[in-house]
C-alpha atoms as a PDB file:
ATOM      1  CA  MET A   1       0.000   0.000   0.000  1.00  0.00           C
ATOM      2  CA  THR A   2       1.119   3.587  -0.628  1.00  0.00           C
ATOM      3  CA  GLN A   3       2.984   5.012   2.369  1.00  0.00           C
ATOM      4  CA  LEU A   4       0.735   7.536   4.088  1.00  0.00           C
ATOM      5  CA  LYS A   5       2.182  10.777   5.433  1.00  0.00           C
ATOM      6  CA  ASN A   6      -0.508  11.391   8.053  1.00  0.00           C
ATOM      7  CA  PRO A   7      -2.009   8.080   9.227  1.00  0.00           C
ATOM      8  CA  LEU A   8      -5.380   8.081  10.938  1.00  0.00           C
ATOM      9  CA  SER A   9      -5.258   8.337  14.709  1.00  0.00           C
ATOM     10  CA  TRP A  10      -7.221   5.211  15.621  1.00  0.00           C
ATOM     11  CA  PRO A  11      -8.713   5.033  19.128  1.00  0.00           C
ATOM     12  CA  PRO A  12      -7.428   2.294  21.456  1.00  0.00           C
ATOM     13  CA  GLU A  13      -9.196  -1.074  21.292  1.00  0.00           C
ATOM     14  CA  ALA A  14      -8.831  -3.883  23.834  1.00  0.00           C
ATOM     15  CA  ALA A  15     -10.735  -5.961  26.347  1.00  0.00           C
ATOM     16  CA  GLN A  16      -9.073  -3.820  28.975  1.00  0.00           C
ATOM     17  CA  TYR A  17      -6.812  -0.834  28.496  1.00  0.00           C
ATOM     18  CA  PRO A  18      -3.327  -0.934  30.072  1.00  0.00           C
ATOM     19  CA  ASP A  19      -2.594   1.588  32.791  1.00  0.00           C
ATOM     20  CA  ASP A  20      -0.179   4.466  32.367  1.00  0.00           C
ATOM     21  CA  ALA A  21       2.678   2.416  33.830  1.00  0.00           C
ATOM     22  CA  VAL A  22       2.810   0.249  30.708  1.00  0.00           C
ATOM     23  CA  ARG A  23       5.457   1.516  28.303  1.00  0.00           C
ATOM     24  CA  ALA A  24       4.110   2.095  24.793  1.00  0.00           C
ATOM     25  CA  PHE A  25       6.324   1.864  21.721  1.00  0.00           C
ATOM     26  CA  ALA A  26       3.591   2.469  19.142  1.00  0.00           C
ATOM     27  CA  ALA A  27       3.918   5.496  16.891  1.00  0.00           C
ATOM     28  CA  PRO A  28       2.412   6.348  13.505  1.00  0.00           C
ATOM     29  CA  GLY A  29       4.409   4.445  10.901  1.00  0.00           C
ATOM     30  CA  SER A  30       6.451   2.532  13.468  1.00  0.00           C
ATOM     31  CA  ASN A  31       5.564  -0.510  15.604  1.00  0.00           C
ATOM     32  CA  LEU A  32       1.859   0.280  15.463  1.00  0.00           C
ATOM     33  CA  VAL A  33      -0.270  -2.855  16.037  1.00  0.00           C
ATOM     34  CA  LEU A  34      -4.016  -2.318  15.662  1.00  0.00           C
ATOM     35  CA  ASP A  35      -5.584  -5.754  15.246  1.00  0.00           C
ATOM     36  CA  PHE A  36      -4.001  -7.779  18.055  1.00  0.00           C
ATOM     37  CA  HIS A  37      -5.393  -6.956  21.468  1.00  0.00           C
ATOM     38  CA  GLY A  38      -4.562  -7.855  25.054  1.00  0.00           C
ATOM     39  CA  ASP A  39      -1.905  -9.947  26.769  1.00  0.00           C
ATOM     40  CA  PRO A  40      -1.410 -13.390  25.167  1.00  0.00           C
ATOM     41  CA  ALA A  41       0.795 -14.515  28.062  1.00  0.00           C
ATOM     42  CA  THR A  42      -1.715 -14.023  30.886  1.00  0.00           C
ATOM     43  CA  ALA A  43      -5.167 -13.793  29.263  1.00  0.00           C
ATOM     44  CA  GLY A  44      -7.679 -16.318  30.546  1.00  0.00           C
ATOM     45  CA  LEU A  45      -9.304 -16.487  27.107  1.00  0.00           C
ATOM     46  CA  ALA A  46      -7.775 -16.351  23.624  1.00  0.00           C
ATOM     47  CA  LEU A  47     -10.002 -15.541  20.659  1.00  0.00           C
ATOM     48  CA  PHE A  48      -9.205 -15.527  16.947  1.00  0.00           C
ATOM     49  CA  SER A  49     -11.714 -13.508  14.936  1.00  0.00           C
ATOM     50  CA  ASP A  50     -12.085 -12.039  11.484  1.00  0.00           C
ATOM     51  CA  GLY A  51     -11.879  -8.282  11.687  1.00  0.00           C
ATOM     52  CA  ASN A  52     -14.558  -6.353   9.892  1.00  0.00           C
ATOM     53  CA  HIS A  53     -16.908  -6.353  12.916  1.00  0.00           C
ATOM     54  CA  HIS A  54     -14.068  -5.350  15.267  1.00  0.00           C
ATOM     55  CA  MET A  55     -15.933  -2.422  16.805  1.00  0.00           C
ATOM     56  CA  ALA A  56     -18.795  -4.641  18.002  1.00  0.00           C
ATOM     57  CA  LEU A  57     -16.412  -7.385  19.082  1.00  0.00           C
ATOM     58  CA  GLU A  58     -14.404  -4.951  21.204  1.00  0.00           C
ATOM     59  CA  ALA A  59     -17.550  -3.839  23.022  1.00  0.00           C
ATOM     60  CA  SER A  60     -18.513  -7.482  23.502  1.00  0.00           C
ATOM     61  CA  VAL A  61     -15.214  -8.704  24.941  1.00  0.00           C
ATOM     62  CA  ARG A  62     -15.153  -5.711  27.277  1.00  0.00           C
ATOM     63  CA  ALA A  63     -18.676  -6.580  28.443  1.00  0.00           C
ATOM     64  CA  PHE A  64     -17.670 -10.225  28.909  1.00  0.00           C
ATOM     65  CA  LEU A  65     -14.639  -9.232  30.963  1.00  0.00           C
ATOM     66  CA  ALA A  66     -16.721  -6.857  33.070  1.00  0.00           C
ATOM     67  CA  ALA A  67     -19.131  -9.716  33.823  1.00  0.00           C
ATOM     68  CA  ASN A  68     -16.279 -12.180  34.421  1.00  0.00           C
ATOM     69  CA  PRO A  69     -13.337 -10.231  35.898  1.00  0.00           C
ATOM     70  CA  GLU A  70     -11.659 -13.445  37.026  1.00  0.00           C
ATOM     71  CA  VAL A  71     -10.767 -14.088  33.362  1.00  0.00           C
ATOM     72  CA  GLY A  72      -8.076 -11.431  33.839  1.00  0.00           C
ATOM     73  CA  ASP A  73      -7.813 -10.414  30.185  1.00  0.00           C
ATOM     74  CA  VAL A  74      -8.912 -11.516  26.728  1.00  0.00           C
ATOM     75  CA  PHE A  75      -6.316 -11.806  23.976  1.00  0.00           C
ATOM     76  CA  TYR A  76      -8.087 -11.414  20.649  1.00  0.00           C
ATOM     77  CA  THR A  77      -7.366 -10.742  16.998  1.00  0.00           C
ATOM     78  CA  THR A  78      -9.309  -8.866  14.314  1.00  0.00           C
ATOM     79  CA  THR A  79      -7.637  -9.791  11.026  1.00  0.00           C
ATOM     80  CA  PRO A  80      -8.668 -11.575   7.820  1.00  0.00           C
ATOM     81  CA  PRO A  81      -9.556 -15.173   8.719  1.00  0.00           C
ATOM     82  CA  MET A  82      -7.174 -17.211   6.566  1.00  0.00           C
ATOM     83  CA  PRO A  83      -3.933 -16.081   8.278  1.00  0.00           C
ATOM     84  CA  LEU A  84      -5.596 -17.027  11.568  1.00  0.00           C
ATOM     85  CA  VAL A  85      -6.462 -20.471  10.226  1.00  0.00           C
ATOM     86  CA  ASP A  86      -2.826 -20.874   9.212  1.00  0.00           C
ATOM     87  CA  ALA A  87      -1.713 -19.732  12.678  1.00  0.00           C
ATOM     88  CA  LEU A  88      -4.031 -22.259  14.344  1.00  0.00           C
ATOM     89  CA  LYS A  89      -2.772 -25.084  12.149  1.00  0.00           C
ATOM     90  CA  GLY A  90       0.853 -23.980  12.370  1.00  0.00           C
ATOM     91  CA  ASP A  91       3.154 -22.402  14.925  1.00  0.00           C
ATOM     92  CA  GLY A  92       1.248 -19.248  15.799  1.00  0.00           C
ATOM     93  CA  LEU A  93       1.375 -15.629  14.676  1.00  0.00           C
ATOM     94  CA  VAL A  94       4.275 -13.445  13.581  1.00  0.00           C
ATOM     95  CA  LEU A  95       4.064  -9.642  13.808  1.00  0.00           C
ATOM     96  CA  GLY A  96       7.238  -8.224  12.339  1.00  0.00           C
ATOM     97  CA  ASN A  97       9.924  -9.613  14.643  1.00  0.00           C
ATOM     98  CA  LEU A  98       7.438 -10.634  17.369  1.00  0.00           C
ATOM     99  CA  ARG A  99       6.150 -14.211  17.523  1.00  0.00           C
ATOM    100  CA  ILE A 100       2.996 -15.172  19.421  1.00  0.00           C
ATOM    101  CA  SER A 101       2.504 -18.892  20.012  1.00  0.00           C
ATOM    102  CA  ARG A 102      -0.816 -18.631  21.894  1.00  0.00           C
ATOM    103  CA  LYS A 103      -3.548 -20.654  20.214  1.00  0.00           C
ATOM    104  CA  PRO A 104      -7.239 -19.715  20.393  1.00  0.00           C
ATOM    105  CA  ASP A 105      -9.920 -21.140  22.638  1.00  0.00           C
ATOM    106  CA  VAL A 106     -12.641 -19.703  20.389  1.00  0.00           C
ATOM    107  CA  PHE A 107     -12.755 -18.903  16.660  1.00  0.00           C
ATOM    108  CA  ILE A 108     -15.102 -16.416  14.960  1.00  0.00           C
ATOM    109  CA  GLY A 109     -15.488 -16.088  11.199  1.00  0.00           C
ATOM    110  CA  PRO A 110     -17.656 -16.789   8.167  1.00  0.00           C
ATOM    111  CA  GLY A 111     -19.404 -20.151   8.210  1.00  0.00           C
ATOM    112  CA  ASN A 112     -17.372 -21.663   5.380  1.00  0.00           C
ATOM    113  CA  ILE A 113     -14.119 -20.883   7.219  1.00  0.00           C
ATOM    114  CA  LEU A 114     -15.347 -22.607  10.376  1.00  0.00           C
ATOM    115  CA  ASP A 115     -16.657 -25.516   8.319  1.00  0.00           C
ATOM    116  CA  GLY A 116     -13.060 -26.028   7.279  1.00  0.00           C
ATOM    117  CA  LEU A 117     -11.958 -26.073  10.915  1.00  0.00           C
ATOM    118  CA  VAL A 118     -14.605 -28.702  11.678  1.00  0.00           C
ATOM    119  CA  ASP A 119     -13.399 -30.808   8.746  1.00  0.00           C
ATOM    120  CA  ALA A 120      -9.812 -30.451   9.982  1.00  0.00           C
ATOM    121  CA  GLY A 121     -10.807 -31.605  13.475  1.00  0.00           C
ATOM    122  CA  PHE A 122     -10.154 -28.327  15.315  1.00  0.00           C
ATOM    123  CA  MET A 123     -13.801 -27.846  16.351  1.00  0.00           C
ATOM    124  CA  THR A 124     -16.931 -29.946  16.412  1.00  0.00           C
ATOM    125  CA  ARG A 125     -19.595 -27.324  15.682  1.00  0.00           C
ATOM    126  CA  HIS A 126     -20.259 -23.618  15.275  1.00  0.00           C
ATOM    127  CA  VAL A 127     -23.301 -21.339  15.270  1.00  0.00           C
ATOM    128  CA  PRO A 128     -24.157 -18.001  13.614  1.00  0.00           C
ATOM    129  CA  PHE A 129     -24.674 -15.098  16.015  1.00  0.00           C
ATOM    130  CA  ALA A 130     -24.691 -11.902  13.906  1.00  0.00           C
ATOM    131  CA  GLU A 131     -24.939 -10.716  10.300  1.00  0.00           C
ATOM    132  CA  SER A 132     -23.895  -7.683   8.300  1.00  0.00           C
ATOM    133  CA  ARG A 133     -26.651  -5.327   7.176  1.00  0.00           C
ATOM    134  CA  GLY A 134     -25.440  -4.611   3.661  1.00  0.00           C
ATOM    135  CA  ASN A 135     -22.983  -2.383   1.834  1.00  0.00           C
ATOM    136  CA  VAL A 136     -22.520   1.314   1.142  1.00  0.00           C
ATOM    137  CA  ILE A 137     -19.954   3.568  -0.525  1.00  0.00           C
ATOM    138  CA  LEU A 138     -17.455   5.325   1.740  1.00  0.00           C
ATOM    139  CA  VAL A 139     -16.312   8.773   0.527  1.00  0.00           C
ATOM    140  CA  ARG A 140     -14.478  11.771   1.933  1.00  0.00           C
ATOM    141  CA  LYS A 141     -16.491  14.332   3.871  1.00  0.00           C
ATOM    142  CA  GLY A 142     -18.482  16.498   1.494  1.00  0.00           C
ATOM    143  CA  ASN A 143     -18.425  13.823  -1.204  1.00  0.00           C
ATOM    144  CA  PRO A 144     -16.232  15.949  -3.511  1.00  0.00           C
ATOM    145  CA  LYS A 145     -16.725  13.661  -6.541  1.00  0.00           C
ATOM    146  CA  GLY A 146     -20.524  13.677  -6.122  1.00  0.00           C
ATOM    147  CA  ILE A 147     -20.793   9.889  -5.975  1.00  0.00           C
ATOM    148  CA  THR A 148     -24.355   8.632  -5.587  1.00  0.00           C
ATOM    149  CA  SER A 149     -24.302   5.065  -6.974  1.00  0.00           C
ATOM    150  CA  VAL A 150     -22.055   2.254  -8.155  1.00  0.00           C
ATOM    151  CA  THR A 151     -22.430   3.692 -11.663  1.00  0.00           C
ATOM    152  CA  ASP A 152     -20.395   6.727 -10.601  1.00  0.00           C
ATOM    153  CA  LEU A 153     -17.478   4.455  -9.689  1.00  0.00           C
ATOM    154  CA  LEU A 154     -16.846   3.977 -13.411  1.00  0.00           C
ATOM    155  CA  SER A 155     -16.028   7.652 -13.907  1.00  0.00           C
ATOM    156  CA  ASP A 156     -12.481   8.203 -15.147  1.00  0.00           C
ATOM    157  CA  ASP A 157     -11.819  10.735 -12.378  1.00  0.00           C
ATOM    158  CA  VAL A 158     -12.877   8.387  -9.542  1.00  0.00           C
ATOM    159  CA  ILE A 159     -10.178   6.279  -7.896  1.00  0.00           C
ATOM    160  CA  VAL A 160     -11.653   3.246  -6.151  1.00  0.00           C
ATOM    161  CA  ALA A 161     -10.186   1.511  -3.092  1.00  0.00           C
ATOM    162  CA  CYS A 162     -11.089  -2.120  -2.497  1.00  0.00           C
ATOM    163  CA  SER A 163     -10.056  -5.062  -0.369  1.00  0.00           C
ATOM    164  CA  ASN A 164      -7.482  -7.267  -2.037  1.00  0.00           C
ATOM    165  CA  PRO A 165      -9.035 -10.058  -4.142  1.00  0.00           C
ATOM    166  CA  VAL A 166      -6.162 -12.398  -3.249  1.00  0.00           C
ATOM    167  CA  THR A 167      -5.248 -11.680   0.387  1.00  0.00           C
ATOM    168  CA  GLU A 168      -8.784 -10.720   1.521  1.00  0.00           C
ATOM    169  CA  LYS A 169     -10.941 -12.865  -0.673  1.00  0.00           C
ATOM    170  CA  ALA A 170     -13.763 -13.201   1.901  1.00  0.00           C
ATOM    171  CA  SER A 171     -14.565  -9.473   1.906  1.00  0.00           C
ATOM    172  CA  TYR A 172     -13.642  -8.874  -1.732  1.00  0.00           C
ATOM    173  CA  VAL A 173     -16.204 -11.432  -2.916  1.00  0.00           C
ATOM    174  CA  VAL A 174     -18.939  -9.623  -0.951  1.00  0.00           C
ATOM    175  CA  TYR A 175     -18.010  -6.218  -2.372  1.00  0.00           C
ATOM    176  CA  GLU A 176     -17.752  -7.499  -5.924  1.00  0.00           C
ATOM    177  CA  GLU A 177     -21.139  -9.220  -5.652  1.00  0.00           C
ATOM    178  CA  ALA A 178     -22.727  -6.076  -4.241  1.00  0.00           C
ATOM    179  CA  ALA A 179     -21.285  -3.902  -7.024  1.00  0.00           C
ATOM    180  CA  ARG A 180     -22.160  -6.480  -9.680  1.00  0.00           C
ATOM    181  CA  ASN A 181     -25.765  -6.880  -8.557  1.00  0.00           C
ATOM    182  CA  LEU A 182     -26.460  -3.193  -8.006  1.00  0.00           C
ATOM    183  CA  ALA A 183     -24.832  -2.281 -11.314  1.00  0.00           C
ATOM    184  CA  LYS A 184     -27.038  -4.793 -13.125  1.00  0.00           C
ATOM    185  CA  GLU A 185     -30.095  -3.400 -11.328  1.00  0.00           C
ATOM    186  CA  ALA A 186     -29.144   0.106 -12.512  1.00  0.00           C
ATOM    187  CA  GLY A 187     -28.457  -0.978 -16.073  1.00  0.00           C
ATOM    188  CA  THR A 188     -24.740  -0.246 -15.716  1.00  0.00           C
ATOM    189  CA  ASP A 189     -21.958  -2.200 -17.431  1.00  0.00           C
ATOM    190  CA  VAL A 190     -21.418  -5.052 -14.968  1.00  0.00           C
ATOM    191  CA  ASP A 191     -18.188  -6.288 -16.533  1.00  0.00           C
ATOM    192  CA  ALA A 192     -16.700  -2.788 -16.346  1.00  0.00           C
ATOM    193  CA  ILE A 193     -17.535  -2.485 -12.632  1.00  0.00           C
ATOM    194  CA  VAL A 194     -16.022  -5.883 -11.861  1.00  0.00           C
ATOM    195  CA  ALA A 195     -12.931  -5.089 -13.912  1.00  0.00           C
ATOM    196  CA  LYS A 196     -12.395  -1.818 -12.076  1.00  0.00           C
ATOM    197  CA  LEU A 197     -12.693  -3.430  -8.647  1.00  0.00           C
ATOM    198  CA  SER A 198     -10.534  -6.436  -9.459  1.00  0.00           C
ATOM    199  CA  THR A 199      -7.675  -4.898 -11.416  1.00  0.00           C
ATOM    200  CA  ALA A 200      -5.194  -2.652  -9.645  1.00  0.00           C
ATOM    201  CA  GLY A 201      -4.092   0.318 -11.721  1.00  0.00           C
ATOM    202  CA  PRO A 202      -4.225   4.127 -11.940  1.00  0.00           C
ATOM    203  CA  ASN A 203      -7.902   4.201 -10.931  1.00  0.00           C
ATOM    204  CA  THR A 204      -7.987   1.241  -8.516  1.00  0.00           C
ATOM    205  CA  VAL A 205      -5.951   0.630  -5.382  1.00  0.00           C
ATOM    206  CA  HIS A 206      -6.151  -2.563  -3.333  1.00  0.00           C
ATOM    207  CA  SER A 207      -5.405  -2.994   0.335  1.00  0.00           C
ATOM    208  CA  GLN A 208      -2.521  -5.305   1.170  1.00  0.00           C
ATOM    209  CA  ILE A 209      -4.028  -7.447   3.930  1.00  0.00           C
ATOM    210  CA  ILE A 210      -6.358  -5.590   6.359  1.00  0.00           C
ATOM    211  CA  HIS A 211      -8.816  -3.506   4.375  1.00  0.00           C
ATOM    212  CA  HIS A 212     -10.801  -2.307   7.389  1.00  0.00           C
ATOM    213  CA  ARG A 213      -7.740  -0.221   8.326  1.00  0.00           C
ATOM    214  CA  GLU A 214      -6.169   0.405   4.925  1.00  0.00           C
ATOM    215  CA  VAL A 215      -9.201   1.504   2.883  1.00  0.00           C
ATOM    216  CA  PRO A 216     -10.165   4.438   5.142  1.00  0.00           C
ATOM    217  CA  GLU A 217      -6.494   5.442   5.299  1.00  0.00           C
ATOM    218  CA  LEU A 218      -6.356   5.550   1.490  1.00  0.00           C
ATOM    219  CA  ILE A 219      -9.480   7.692   1.230  1.00  0.00           C
ATOM    220  CA  ALA A 220      -8.467  10.039   4.054  1.00  0.00           C
ATOM    221  CA  ALA A 221      -5.060  10.583   2.448  1.00  0.00           C
ATOM    222  CA  GLY A 222      -6.568  11.338  -0.962  1.00  0.00           C
ATOM    223  CA  HIS A 223      -5.123   8.233  -2.636  1.00  0.00           C
ATOM    224  CA  ALA A 224      -8.670   7.032  -3.375  1.00  0.00           C
ATOM    225  CA  ASP A 225     -12.082   8.672  -3.688  1.00  0.00           C
ATOM    226  CA  ALA A 226     -14.501   5.895  -2.783  1.00  0.00           C
ATOM    227  CA  ALA A 227     -14.909   2.301  -1.664  1.00  0.00           C
ATOM    228  CA  VAL A 228     -17.728  -0.213  -1.607  1.00  0.00           C
ATOM    229  CA  ILE A 229     -17.645  -1.422   1.979  1.00  0.00           C
ATOM    230  CA  TYR A 230     -19.761  -2.990   4.719  1.00  0.00           C
ATOM    231  CA  TYR A 231     -22.240  -0.527   6.191  1.00  0.00           C
ATOM    232  CA  HIS A 232     -21.098  -1.240   9.752  1.00  0.00           C
ATOM    233  CA  LEU A 233     -17.499  -0.397   8.831  1.00  0.00           C
ATOM    234  CA  ALA A 234     -18.512   2.863   7.165  1.00  0.00           C
ATOM    235  CA  LEU A 235     -20.662   3.663  10.203  1.00  0.00           C
ATOM    236  CA  ARG A 236     -17.645   3.139  12.456  1.00  0.00           C
ATOM    237  CA  TYR A 237     -15.469   5.450  10.374  1.00  0.00           C
ATOM    238  CA  THR A 238     -18.072   8.226  10.329  1.00  0.00           C
ATOM    239  CA  ARG A 239     -18.472   7.925  14.093  1.00  0.00           C
ATOM    240  CA  ILE A 240     -14.792   8.095  15.053  1.00  0.00           C
ATOM    241  CA  PHE A 241     -13.657  10.364  12.192  1.00  0.00           C
ATOM    242  CA  PRO A 242     -16.761  12.488  11.480  1.00  0.00           C
ATOM    243  CA  GLU A 243     -14.681  15.278   9.998  1.00  0.00           C
ATOM    244  CA  LEU A 244     -13.150  12.955   7.394  1.00  0.00           C
ATOM    245  CA  PHE A 245     -15.816  10.568   6.076  1.00  0.00           C
ATOM    246  CA  GLU A 246     -19.407  10.150   5.034  1.00  0.00           C
ATOM    247  CA  LEU A 247     -21.279   7.268   3.460  1.00  0.00           C
ATOM    248  CA  VAL A 248     -23.502   6.905   0.425  1.00  0.00           C
ATOM    249  CA  ASP A 249     -26.397   4.450   0.626  1.00  0.00           C
ATOM    250  CA  ILE A 250     -26.514   2.239  -2.472  1.00  0.00           C
ATOM    251  CA  GLY A 251     -28.731  -0.651  -1.411  1.00  0.00           C
ATOM    252  CA  GLY A 252     -31.361   0.758   0.932  1.00  0.00           C
ATOM    253  CA  VAL A 253     -29.348   0.008   4.074  1.00  0.00           C
ATOM    254  CA  LEU A 254     -30.114   3.326   5.781  1.00  0.00           C
ATOM    255  CA  SER A 255     -33.839   2.896   5.216  1.00  0.00           C
ATOM    256  CA  GLU A 256     -33.580  -0.669   6.578  1.00  0.00           C
ATOM    257  CA  GLN A 257     -35.044  -1.854   3.279  1.00  0.00           C
ATOM    258  CA  SER A 258     -31.901  -3.441   1.876  1.00  0.00           C
ATOM    259  CA  SER A 259     -32.087  -4.890  -1.601  1.00  0.00           C
ATOM    260  CA  ILE A 260     -32.036  -8.677  -1.646  1.00  0.00           C
ATOM    261  CA  LYS A 261     -29.297  -8.226  -4.250  1.00  0.00           C
ATOM    262  CA  ASP A 262     -27.038  -6.531  -1.690  1.00  0.00           C
ATOM    263  CA  PRO A 263     -25.118  -9.454  -0.113  1.00  0.00           C
ATOM    264  CA  THR A 264     -24.534  -9.860   3.612  1.00  0.00           C
ATOM    265  CA  THR A 265     -22.145 -11.922   5.730  1.00  0.00           C
ATOM    266  CA  ARG A 266     -23.015 -14.110   8.701  1.00  0.00           C
ATOM    267  CA  TYR A 267     -20.548 -14.411  11.556  1.00  0.00           C
ATOM    268  CA  HIS A 268     -20.185 -17.801  13.220  1.00  0.00           C
ATOM    269  CA  ILE A 269     -18.570 -18.774  16.524  1.00  0.00           C
ATOM    270  CA  GLY A 270     -17.290 -22.080  17.868  1.00  0.00           C
ATOM    271  CA  LEU A 271     -14.980 -23.637  20.427  1.00  0.00           C
ATOM    272  CA  VAL A 272     -11.515 -24.745  19.417  1.00  0.00           C
ATOM    273  CA  ALA A 273     -11.040 -28.187  20.996  1.00  0.00           C
ATOM    274  CA  ASP A 274     -12.662 -27.939  24.460  1.00  0.00           C
ATOM    275  CA  GLY A 275     -12.427 -24.120  24.566  1.00  0.00           C
ATOM    276  CA  GLY A 276     -10.326 -24.043  27.707  1.00  0.00           C
ATOM    277  CA  LYS A 277     -11.723 -22.711  30.978  1.00  0.00           C
ATOM    278  CA  TRP A 278     -13.712 -19.779  29.554  1.00  0.00           C
ATOM    279  CA  GLY A 279     -14.472 -20.632  25.941  1.00  0.00           C
ATOM    280  CA  GLU A 280     -17.900 -22.159  26.484  1.00  0.00           C
ATOM    281  CA  ASP A 281     -18.980 -19.231  28.656  1.00  0.00           C
ATOM    282  CA  PHE A 282     -17.836 -16.786  25.988  1.00  0.00           C
ATOM    283  CA  VAL A 283     -19.682 -18.574  23.177  1.00  0.00           C
ATOM    284  CA  SER A 284     -22.865 -18.468  25.256  1.00  0.00           C
ATOM    285  CA  PHE A 285     -22.274 -14.803  26.127  1.00  0.00           C
ATOM    286  CA  MET A 286     -21.940 -13.891  22.441  1.00  0.00           C
ATOM    287  CA  GLN A 287     -25.411 -15.317  21.822  1.00  0.00           C
ATOM    288  CA  GLY A 288     -26.967 -13.409  24.718  1.00  0.00           C
ATOM    289  CA  ASN A 289     -28.959 -10.184  24.697  1.00  0.00           C
ATOM    290  CA  THR A 290     -26.071  -7.938  25.803  1.00  0.00           C
ATOM    291  CA  VAL A 291     -23.897  -8.816  22.817  1.00  0.00           C
ATOM    292  CA  GLN A 292     -26.813  -8.945  20.396  1.00  0.00           C
ATOM    293  CA  GLN A 293     -27.711  -5.384  21.374  1.00  0.00           C
ATOM    294  CA  LEU A 294     -24.088  -4.245  21.035  1.00  0.00           C
ATOM    295  CA  TYR A 295     -23.865  -5.664  17.526  1.00  0.00           C
ATOM    296  CA  GLU A 296     -27.139  -3.995  16.596  1.00  0.00           C
ATOM    297  CA  GLU A 297     -25.877  -0.643  17.953  1.00  0.00           C
ATOM    298  CA  ASN A 298     -22.829  -1.003  15.735  1.00  0.00           C
ATOM    299  CA  GLY A 299     -24.816  -1.450  12.547  1.00  0.00           C
ATOM    300  CA  LEU A 300     -25.112  -5.237  12.361  1.00  0.00           C
ATOM    301  CA  VAL A 301     -28.113  -7.565  12.566  1.00  0.00           C
ATOM    302  CA  ARG A 302     -28.761  -9.695  15.635  1.00  0.00           C
ATOM    303  CA  LEU A 303     -29.536 -13.369  15.057  1.00  0.00           C
ATOM    304  CA  CYS A 304     -30.242 -14.550  18.598  1.00  0.00           C
END
């Protein structure tokens, strides 16, 4: 990804925030880790999760820890799922020069990913607990290119940011399907929309590996004008960076009358092996009213 001169100042995210006595080495552009949370050495629960619902997951793990303080801490991830699958099957995670060998007690991700973990013998079952609401277009505040639909993404003066079709296939497939279906509905050239999203070039920039961080960075820095993205992600960006972003409704998400052609994603949860001491409690907690309400408040759909 293009090096950004002024990275976004993301708010802290963790099950519990460290006190002031903890020395911090993070700085913009240097040793900044956003999608690995908590203390893997002492946490009573370790959770591997895909990342696009990270804002709701943070609220949930904090609520779980508040209800179960004896857990001590929750170590959790919010990255694309396939590297986490590889980490579970292999020797853990590597962040630059740091290696984390802690394996998860619980895994969250799309159903097909967890089906693979069942087939591989890492878990016996999983259940859906939340779902995305649909997709929108994220633009800079004021919408300087006047983007109102997927059709406008084909304009020669619009640079599109998109999750990487190779390293983030799970999200890319959703965004491509949304753009494809809505373009067809509008009578727009479907092949041209797909080609623009899928092919990196002067008018298309792909994230490298974590689009829920990289795409808003690209738009904020002016390296891209727009991105098809999950509504709940766009909602998060407009809440924490209201001076930088706004969203354009393309599938009726804001009216809660989403087009059936606007694809959604279901998030599943299951124990890895026996889930350790706290895994079963956490899986149950994620299906309870507290978490369901938190996911709804963060722009997702409750399933329980």
